Every structure is written in C-alpha cells, then in structure tokens.
C-alpha cells in the first residue's frame, strides 16, 4: 500500500475529481491524502477515503511536506494552476523542493499524473516498498 497525496488548485479541482474517478480502481487499496476541499471533493465524487489535511493556504501543503521530509509519502499528484498567482506560493515551492530532495515523484499536470498512475497500476512502484523497509533512522 502506497501513500499518495492529491492536491489541486481551485481551477483544477474538477479536473482532479474527474481524474481520480477515472482511476478509482487503481487508487483503491492505497492510503490517500489530500488538502481540504480537494480531499472532500474526491470523497464526494468517489467511494475512496481520503485523509483530509487543512487547505493549502492554511498549511495543508506544509502538512504533506512534513510527510515528504520524513520520506513517508510515495508520490504526489499536485494539479497546479500555472496561470493564477497563489498567495501561498512559497509553501508550494517548498513542497516541490522537498519532493526533489527526497526523490518523491510529483506530477503537476494531468499528463504526468496519468504516467504515474499507470506505473502504479503496473506495479512499478515496488522500489518504494524497499525505501520503507530499509529506511535509515534519524541521525
């Protein structure tokens, strides 16, 4: 079971719900996390259970970032709106940086999200189980 974060900016929430609905069968059996409204909209539109963090501007991105920093998140789908300025842009950049530091796959658009989900469906994320199994302790 992988831990997957689902985040979407306001103008991308419908796209996220449609995407998760299309791949609901793949997401079943995994631990899903999401920020505020996005998580609620996914739960309302599917049979999936999503652990809800705060909304992004209120700290939800940072809550997910804390899991990434501890290497406790396996991948993130973050449908960003590149045409709209976000008041919490520094939090978004920090989350993306943490993904790069920890080597956590992060899709920021539906095309890349589809590649990750298809890889998940094929079983290509077995390497993440090794990461969890051999996770070094905090020094």
N, C-alpha and C. Protein backbone atom coordinates (compact mmCIF):
# COMPACT_ATOMS: atom_id res chain seq x y z
N UNK A 1 0.84 -1.18 0.00
CA UNK A 1 0.00 0.00 0.00
C UNK A 1 0.89 1.24 0.00
N UNK A 2 0.67 2.10 -0.98
CA UNK A 2 1.43 3.33 -1.09
C UNK A 2 0.66 4.50 -0.50
N UNK A 3 1.39 5.52 -0.12
CA UNK A 3 0.81 6.76 0.38
C UNK A 3 0.88 7.78 -0.74
N UNK A 4 -0.29 8.28 -1.12
CA UNK A 4 -0.41 9.16 -2.28
C UNK A 4 -1.11 10.44 -1.87
N UNK A 5 -0.51 11.59 -2.18
CA UNK A 5 -1.13 12.88 -1.89
C UNK A 5 -1.79 13.43 -3.15
N UNK A 6 -2.98 13.99 -2.97
CA UNK A 6 -3.76 14.57 -4.07
C UNK A 6 -4.06 16.02 -3.72
N UNK A 7 -3.54 16.94 -4.52
CA UNK A 7 -3.68 18.37 -4.27
C UNK A 7 -4.09 19.02 -5.58
N UNK A 8 -5.00 19.99 -5.51
CA UNK A 8 -5.40 20.71 -6.73
C UNK A 8 -5.76 22.14 -6.40
N UNK A 9 -5.27 23.05 -7.20
CA UNK A 9 -5.67 24.44 -7.05
C UNK A 9 -7.14 24.58 -7.47
N UNK A 10 -7.75 25.68 -7.08
CA UNK A 10 -9.20 25.85 -7.25
C UNK A 10 -9.68 25.56 -8.68
N UNK A 11 -9.00 26.11 -9.68
CA UNK A 11 -9.46 25.91 -11.05
C UNK A 11 -9.09 24.54 -11.61
N UNK A 12 -8.45 23.70 -10.80
CA UNK A 12 -8.07 22.35 -11.22
C UNK A 12 -8.80 21.26 -10.44
N UNK A 13 -9.67 21.65 -9.52
CA UNK A 13 -10.35 20.66 -8.67
C UNK A 13 -11.26 19.73 -9.47
N UNK A 14 -12.02 20.28 -10.41
CA UNK A 14 -12.87 19.42 -11.25
C UNK A 14 -12.03 18.42 -12.03
N UNK A 15 -10.92 18.88 -12.56
CA UNK A 15 -10.02 18.01 -13.31
C UNK A 15 -9.49 16.88 -12.41
N UNK A 16 -9.15 17.23 -11.15
CA UNK A 16 -8.67 16.21 -10.21
C UNK A 16 -9.74 15.18 -9.91
N UNK A 17 -10.95 15.64 -9.64
CA UNK A 17 -12.04 14.70 -9.34
C UNK A 17 -12.29 13.79 -10.53
N UNK A 18 -12.31 14.34 -11.73
CA UNK A 18 -12.51 13.53 -12.94
C UNK A 18 -11.38 12.51 -13.10
N UNK A 19 -10.16 12.93 -12.85
CA UNK A 19 -9.00 12.05 -12.98
C UNK A 19 -9.07 10.91 -11.97
N UNK A 20 -9.32 11.23 -10.72
CA UNK A 20 -9.38 10.21 -9.68
C UNK A 20 -10.55 9.27 -9.93
N UNK A 21 -11.65 9.79 -10.40
CA UNK A 21 -12.80 8.95 -10.73
C UNK A 21 -12.43 7.95 -11.83
N UNK A 22 -11.72 8.43 -12.86
CA UNK A 22 -11.32 7.55 -13.97
C UNK A 22 -10.40 6.44 -13.50
N UNK A 23 -9.58 6.71 -12.48
CA UNK A 23 -8.61 5.73 -12.00
C UNK A 23 -8.93 5.25 -10.58
N UNK A 24 -10.19 5.34 -10.22
CA UNK A 24 -10.59 4.93 -8.87
C UNK A 24 -10.14 3.50 -8.55
N UNK A 25 -10.25 2.61 -9.53
CA UNK A 25 -9.86 1.22 -9.32
C UNK A 25 -8.37 1.08 -9.00
N UNK A 26 -7.55 2.01 -9.47
CA UNK A 26 -6.12 1.97 -9.19
C UNK A 26 -5.84 2.52 -7.79
N UNK A 27 -6.56 3.57 -7.42
CA UNK A 27 -6.34 4.20 -6.12
C UNK A 27 -6.85 3.36 -4.95
N UNK A 28 -7.80 2.47 -5.21
CA UNK A 28 -8.31 1.60 -4.15
C UNK A 28 -7.15 0.80 -3.56
N UNK A 29 -7.16 0.65 -2.26
CA UNK A 29 -6.12 -0.14 -1.63
C UNK A 29 -4.87 0.64 -1.27
N UNK A 30 -4.86 1.93 -1.58
CA UNK A 30 -3.73 2.78 -1.22
C UNK A 30 -4.21 3.82 -0.21
N UNK A 31 -3.30 4.36 0.54
CA UNK A 31 -3.62 5.38 1.53
C UNK A 31 -3.55 6.74 0.84
N UNK A 32 -4.69 7.41 0.78
CA UNK A 32 -4.78 8.68 0.08
C UNK A 32 -4.83 9.84 1.07
N UNK A 33 -4.15 10.90 0.71
CA UNK A 33 -4.13 12.13 1.50
C UNK A 33 -4.49 13.28 0.56
N UNK A 34 -5.07 14.31 1.11
CA UNK A 34 -5.38 15.47 0.28
C UNK A 34 -5.54 16.71 1.12
N UNK A 35 -5.44 17.83 0.45
CA UNK A 35 -5.68 19.10 1.12
C UNK A 35 -7.18 19.40 1.11
N UNK A 36 -7.64 20.01 2.17
CA UNK A 36 -9.00 20.47 2.41
C UNK A 36 -10.09 20.12 1.42
N UNK A 37 -10.42 21.07 0.59
CA UNK A 37 -11.54 20.94 -0.34
C UNK A 37 -11.29 19.85 -1.38
N UNK A 38 -10.07 19.73 -1.83
CA UNK A 38 -9.75 18.70 -2.83
C UNK A 38 -10.08 17.32 -2.29
N UNK A 39 -9.64 17.03 -1.07
CA UNK A 39 -9.93 15.72 -0.46
C UNK A 39 -11.42 15.51 -0.32
N UNK A 40 -12.14 16.53 0.12
CA UNK A 40 -13.59 16.40 0.30
C UNK A 40 -14.29 16.17 -1.04
N UNK A 41 -13.87 16.91 -2.06
CA UNK A 41 -14.49 16.74 -3.38
C UNK A 41 -14.24 15.33 -3.93
N UNK A 42 -13.05 14.78 -3.71
CA UNK A 42 -12.76 13.42 -4.16
C UNK A 42 -13.64 12.42 -3.42
N UNK A 43 -13.77 12.60 -2.12
CA UNK A 43 -14.62 11.67 -1.35
C UNK A 43 -16.08 11.78 -1.76
N UNK A 44 -16.54 12.99 -2.07
CA UNK A 44 -17.92 13.18 -2.51
C UNK A 44 -18.16 12.56 -3.89
N UNK A 45 -17.14 12.54 -4.74
CA UNK A 45 -17.29 12.06 -6.11
C UNK A 45 -16.92 10.61 -6.33
N UNK A 46 -16.34 9.96 -5.30
CA UNK A 46 -15.91 8.56 -5.44
C UNK A 46 -16.27 7.81 -4.16
N UNK A 47 -15.89 6.55 -4.12
CA UNK A 47 -16.05 5.73 -2.91
C UNK A 47 -14.75 5.67 -2.11
N UNK A 48 -13.79 6.49 -2.48
CA UNK A 48 -12.48 6.47 -1.84
C UNK A 48 -12.47 7.26 -0.54
N UNK A 49 -11.64 6.81 0.39
CA UNK A 49 -11.44 7.53 1.64
C UNK A 49 -10.13 8.31 1.50
N UNK A 50 -10.18 9.59 1.80
CA UNK A 50 -9.00 10.45 1.68
C UNK A 50 -8.78 11.14 3.01
N UNK A 51 -7.58 10.98 3.58
CA UNK A 51 -7.25 11.69 4.81
C UNK A 51 -7.14 13.17 4.48
N UNK A 52 -7.95 13.96 5.16
CA UNK A 52 -8.01 15.40 4.87
C UNK A 52 -7.06 16.19 5.75
N UNK A 53 -6.18 16.94 5.12
CA UNK A 53 -5.37 17.93 5.82
C UNK A 53 -6.07 19.28 5.67
N UNK A 54 -5.48 20.31 6.22
CA UNK A 54 -6.01 21.66 6.05
C UNK A 54 -5.93 22.05 4.57
N UNK A 55 -6.62 23.11 4.21
CA UNK A 55 -6.49 23.60 2.84
C UNK A 55 -5.06 24.08 2.64
N UNK A 56 -4.63 24.12 1.39
CA UNK A 56 -3.25 24.52 1.09
C UNK A 56 -2.84 25.84 1.71
N UNK A 57 -3.62 26.93 1.51
CA UNK A 57 -3.22 28.22 2.07
C UNK A 57 -3.18 28.25 3.60
N UNK A 58 -3.86 27.31 4.23
CA UNK A 58 -3.89 27.28 5.69
C UNK A 58 -2.88 26.30 6.28
N UNK A 59 -2.04 25.71 5.43
CA UNK A 59 -0.98 24.83 5.93
C UNK A 59 -1.02 23.41 5.43
N UNK A 60 -2.01 23.07 4.62
CA UNK A 60 -2.12 21.69 4.12
C UNK A 60 -0.93 21.25 3.29
N UNK A 61 -0.40 22.17 2.48
CA UNK A 61 0.80 21.84 1.69
C UNK A 61 1.96 21.51 2.62
N UNK A 62 2.07 22.26 3.71
CA UNK A 62 3.15 22.02 4.66
C UNK A 62 2.95 20.72 5.43
N UNK A 63 1.69 20.37 5.72
CA UNK A 63 1.44 19.09 6.39
C UNK A 63 1.88 17.93 5.51
N UNK A 64 1.57 18.01 4.23
CA UNK A 64 2.02 16.97 3.30
C UNK A 64 3.53 17.03 3.17
N UNK A 65 4.09 18.24 3.14
CA UNK A 65 5.54 18.42 3.07
C UNK A 65 6.25 17.75 4.24
N UNK A 66 5.64 17.77 5.41
CA UNK A 66 6.25 17.12 6.58
C UNK A 66 6.38 15.62 6.34
N UNK A 67 5.37 15.01 5.71
CA UNK A 67 5.45 13.58 5.38
C UNK A 67 6.52 13.32 4.32
N UNK A 68 6.62 14.22 3.36
CA UNK A 68 7.64 14.08 2.32
C UNK A 68 9.02 14.17 2.96
N UNK A 69 9.21 15.13 3.87
CA UNK A 69 10.50 15.32 4.51
C UNK A 69 10.93 14.08 5.28
N UNK A 70 9.98 13.34 5.81
CA UNK A 70 10.27 12.09 6.54
C UNK A 70 10.28 10.88 5.62
N UNK A 71 10.17 11.12 4.29
CA UNK A 71 10.11 10.05 3.28
C UNK A 71 8.94 9.11 3.54
N UNK A 72 7.83 9.67 3.97
CA UNK A 72 6.63 8.90 4.27
C UNK A 72 5.53 9.07 3.22
N UNK A 73 5.85 9.74 2.12
CA UNK A 73 4.90 9.91 1.04
C UNK A 73 5.51 9.26 -0.19
N UNK A 74 4.72 8.48 -0.93
CA UNK A 74 5.28 7.75 -2.06
C UNK A 74 5.18 8.49 -3.38
N UNK A 75 4.11 9.20 -3.60
CA UNK A 75 4.06 10.12 -4.73
C UNK A 75 2.93 11.11 -4.55
N UNK A 76 3.05 12.19 -5.31
CA UNK A 76 2.10 13.31 -5.19
C UNK A 76 1.57 13.66 -6.57
N UNK A 77 0.28 13.89 -6.61
CA UNK A 77 -0.34 14.49 -7.79
C UNK A 77 -0.81 15.87 -7.34
N UNK A 78 -0.20 16.87 -7.88
CA UNK A 78 -0.48 18.26 -7.49
C UNK A 78 -0.84 19.02 -8.76
N UNK A 79 -2.14 19.10 -9.05
CA UNK A 79 -2.58 19.80 -10.25
C UNK A 79 -2.55 21.30 -9.96
N UNK A 80 -1.48 21.93 -10.42
CA UNK A 80 -1.26 23.35 -10.19
C UNK A 80 -1.92 24.17 -11.29
N UNK A 81 -2.28 25.37 -10.95
CA UNK A 81 -2.82 26.31 -11.92
C UNK A 81 -1.70 27.31 -12.25
N UNK A 82 -0.99 27.10 -13.36
CA UNK A 82 0.15 27.96 -13.66
C UNK A 82 -0.23 29.36 -14.10
N UNK A 83 -1.52 29.59 -14.35
CA UNK A 83 -1.95 30.90 -14.84
C UNK A 83 -2.54 31.78 -13.74
N UNK A 84 -2.53 31.29 -12.51
CA UNK A 84 -3.12 32.06 -11.40
C UNK A 84 -2.09 32.17 -10.28
N UNK A 85 -1.84 33.39 -9.84
CA UNK A 85 -0.92 33.60 -8.71
C UNK A 85 -1.55 33.00 -7.45
N UNK A 86 -0.73 32.33 -6.65
CA UNK A 86 -1.21 31.71 -5.42
C UNK A 86 -0.63 32.46 -4.22
N UNK A 87 -1.46 32.79 -3.24
CA UNK A 87 -0.95 33.54 -2.09
C UNK A 87 0.04 32.75 -1.25
N UNK A 88 0.00 31.43 -1.35
CA UNK A 88 0.91 30.58 -0.57
C UNK A 88 1.97 29.94 -1.46
N UNK A 89 2.39 30.67 -2.49
CA UNK A 89 3.39 30.17 -3.44
C UNK A 89 4.67 29.67 -2.75
N UNK A 90 5.18 30.35 -1.71
CA UNK A 90 6.38 29.83 -1.05
C UNK A 90 6.18 28.41 -0.48
N UNK A 91 4.99 28.12 0.02
CA UNK A 91 4.70 26.77 0.53
C UNK A 91 4.71 25.75 -0.60
N UNK A 92 4.18 26.14 -1.74
CA UNK A 92 4.13 25.25 -2.90
C UNK A 92 5.55 24.94 -3.38
N UNK A 93 6.36 25.96 -3.48
CA UNK A 93 7.75 25.78 -3.92
C UNK A 93 8.50 24.91 -2.92
N UNK A 94 8.25 25.12 -1.63
CA UNK A 94 8.92 24.31 -0.60
C UNK A 94 8.52 22.84 -0.73
N UNK A 95 7.25 22.56 -1.01
CA UNK A 95 6.79 21.18 -1.18
C UNK A 95 7.46 20.54 -2.39
N UNK A 96 7.51 21.26 -3.49
CA UNK A 96 8.14 20.72 -4.70
C UNK A 96 9.64 20.49 -4.47
N UNK A 97 10.28 21.39 -3.75
CA UNK A 97 11.70 21.22 -3.43
C UNK A 97 11.92 19.97 -2.59
N UNK A 98 11.05 19.75 -1.59
CA UNK A 98 11.17 18.56 -0.75
C UNK A 98 11.02 17.29 -1.57
N UNK A 99 10.12 17.30 -2.54
CA UNK A 99 9.97 16.14 -3.42
C UNK A 99 11.27 15.86 -4.17
N UNK A 100 11.90 16.92 -4.64
CA UNK A 100 13.18 16.75 -5.34
C UNK A 100 14.25 16.23 -4.39
N UNK A 101 14.31 16.77 -3.18
CA UNK A 101 15.32 16.34 -2.20
C UNK A 101 15.15 14.87 -1.86
N UNK A 102 13.92 14.43 -1.65
CA UNK A 102 13.65 13.06 -1.22
C UNK A 102 13.46 12.09 -2.38
N UNK A 103 13.43 12.59 -3.61
CA UNK A 103 13.23 11.71 -4.76
C UNK A 103 11.81 11.17 -4.83
N UNK A 104 10.84 12.00 -4.45
CA UNK A 104 9.44 11.60 -4.47
C UNK A 104 8.83 12.06 -5.80
N UNK A 105 8.28 11.14 -6.59
CA UNK A 105 7.66 11.56 -7.85
C UNK A 105 6.50 12.52 -7.58
N UNK A 106 6.44 13.58 -8.37
CA UNK A 106 5.40 14.59 -8.20
C UNK A 106 4.92 15.04 -9.57
N UNK A 107 3.66 14.76 -9.87
CA UNK A 107 3.06 15.19 -11.13
C UNK A 107 2.34 16.50 -10.89
N UNK A 108 2.60 17.48 -11.76
CA UNK A 108 1.94 18.78 -11.60
C UNK A 108 0.93 19.06 -12.70
N UNK A 109 0.68 18.06 -13.53
CA UNK A 109 -0.36 18.19 -14.56
C UNK A 109 -0.93 16.80 -14.83
N UNK A 110 -2.05 16.77 -15.50
CA UNK A 110 -2.77 15.50 -15.71
C UNK A 110 -1.99 14.53 -16.58
N UNK A 111 -1.23 15.02 -17.54
CA UNK A 111 -0.46 14.13 -18.42
C UNK A 111 0.57 13.34 -17.60
N UNK A 112 1.30 14.01 -16.73
CA UNK A 112 2.29 13.33 -15.90
C UNK A 112 1.61 12.48 -14.84
N UNK A 113 0.50 12.95 -14.32
CA UNK A 113 -0.26 12.17 -13.33
C UNK A 113 -0.68 10.83 -13.93
N UNK A 114 -1.10 10.86 -15.18
CA UNK A 114 -1.51 9.61 -15.83
C UNK A 114 -0.34 8.65 -15.95
N UNK A 115 0.84 9.14 -16.25
CA UNK A 115 2.01 8.27 -16.32
C UNK A 115 2.28 7.62 -14.96
N UNK A 116 2.19 8.40 -13.88
CA UNK A 116 2.42 7.84 -12.55
C UNK A 116 1.38 6.80 -12.18
N UNK A 117 0.12 7.08 -12.47
CA UNK A 117 -0.95 6.16 -12.09
C UNK A 117 -0.88 4.88 -12.92
N UNK A 118 -0.53 5.00 -14.17
CA UNK A 118 -0.37 3.79 -14.99
C UNK A 118 0.81 2.95 -14.49
N UNK A 119 1.88 3.61 -14.06
CA UNK A 119 3.01 2.89 -13.47
C UNK A 119 2.58 2.21 -12.17
N UNK A 120 1.79 2.89 -11.37
CA UNK A 120 1.26 2.31 -10.14
C UNK A 120 0.43 1.07 -10.45
N UNK A 121 -0.40 1.16 -11.46
CA UNK A 121 -1.26 0.04 -11.86
C UNK A 121 -0.44 -1.16 -12.33
N UNK A 122 0.70 -0.91 -12.97
CA UNK A 122 1.57 -1.98 -13.45
C UNK A 122 2.43 -2.58 -12.33
N UNK A 123 2.48 -1.90 -11.18
CA UNK A 123 3.31 -2.40 -10.09
C UNK A 123 4.73 -1.85 -10.11
N UNK A 124 4.93 -0.76 -10.82
CA UNK A 124 6.27 -0.19 -10.97
C UNK A 124 6.76 0.58 -9.74
N UNK A 125 5.98 0.63 -8.69
CA UNK A 125 6.40 1.36 -7.50
C UNK A 125 6.89 0.45 -6.39
N UNK A 126 7.28 -0.77 -6.74
CA UNK A 126 7.82 -1.69 -5.75
C UNK A 126 9.05 -1.15 -5.05
N UNK A 127 9.80 -0.32 -5.74
CA UNK A 127 11.00 0.28 -5.15
C UNK A 127 10.68 1.11 -3.92
N UNK A 128 9.47 1.68 -3.85
CA UNK A 128 9.09 2.47 -2.68
C UNK A 128 8.95 1.57 -1.45
N UNK A 129 8.52 0.33 -1.64
CA UNK A 129 8.44 -0.60 -0.52
C UNK A 129 9.83 -0.86 0.05
N UNK A 130 10.84 -0.94 -0.81
CA UNK A 130 12.21 -1.10 -0.33
C UNK A 130 12.68 0.12 0.44
N UNK A 131 12.27 1.30 -0.02
CA UNK A 131 12.63 2.53 0.70
C UNK A 131 12.09 2.47 2.12
N UNK A 132 10.84 2.02 2.25
CA UNK A 132 10.22 1.95 3.59
C UNK A 132 10.88 0.85 4.43
N UNK A 133 11.21 -0.25 3.81
CA UNK A 133 11.79 -1.38 4.53
C UNK A 133 13.18 -1.04 5.07
N UNK A 134 13.96 -0.35 4.28
CA UNK A 134 15.34 -0.06 4.66
C UNK A 134 15.55 1.41 5.01
N UNK A 135 14.50 2.05 5.45
CA UNK A 135 14.58 3.47 5.80
C UNK A 135 15.56 3.65 6.97
N UNK A 136 16.59 4.45 6.73
CA UNK A 136 17.56 4.67 7.82
C UNK A 136 16.92 5.49 8.95
N UNK A 137 17.42 5.28 10.14
CA UNK A 137 16.92 6.03 11.29
C UNK A 137 17.40 7.47 11.24
N UNK A 138 16.76 8.29 12.01
CA UNK A 138 17.15 9.70 12.08
C UNK A 138 18.43 9.80 12.89
N UNK A 139 19.41 10.48 12.33
CA UNK A 139 20.71 10.61 13.00
C UNK A 139 20.74 11.78 13.94
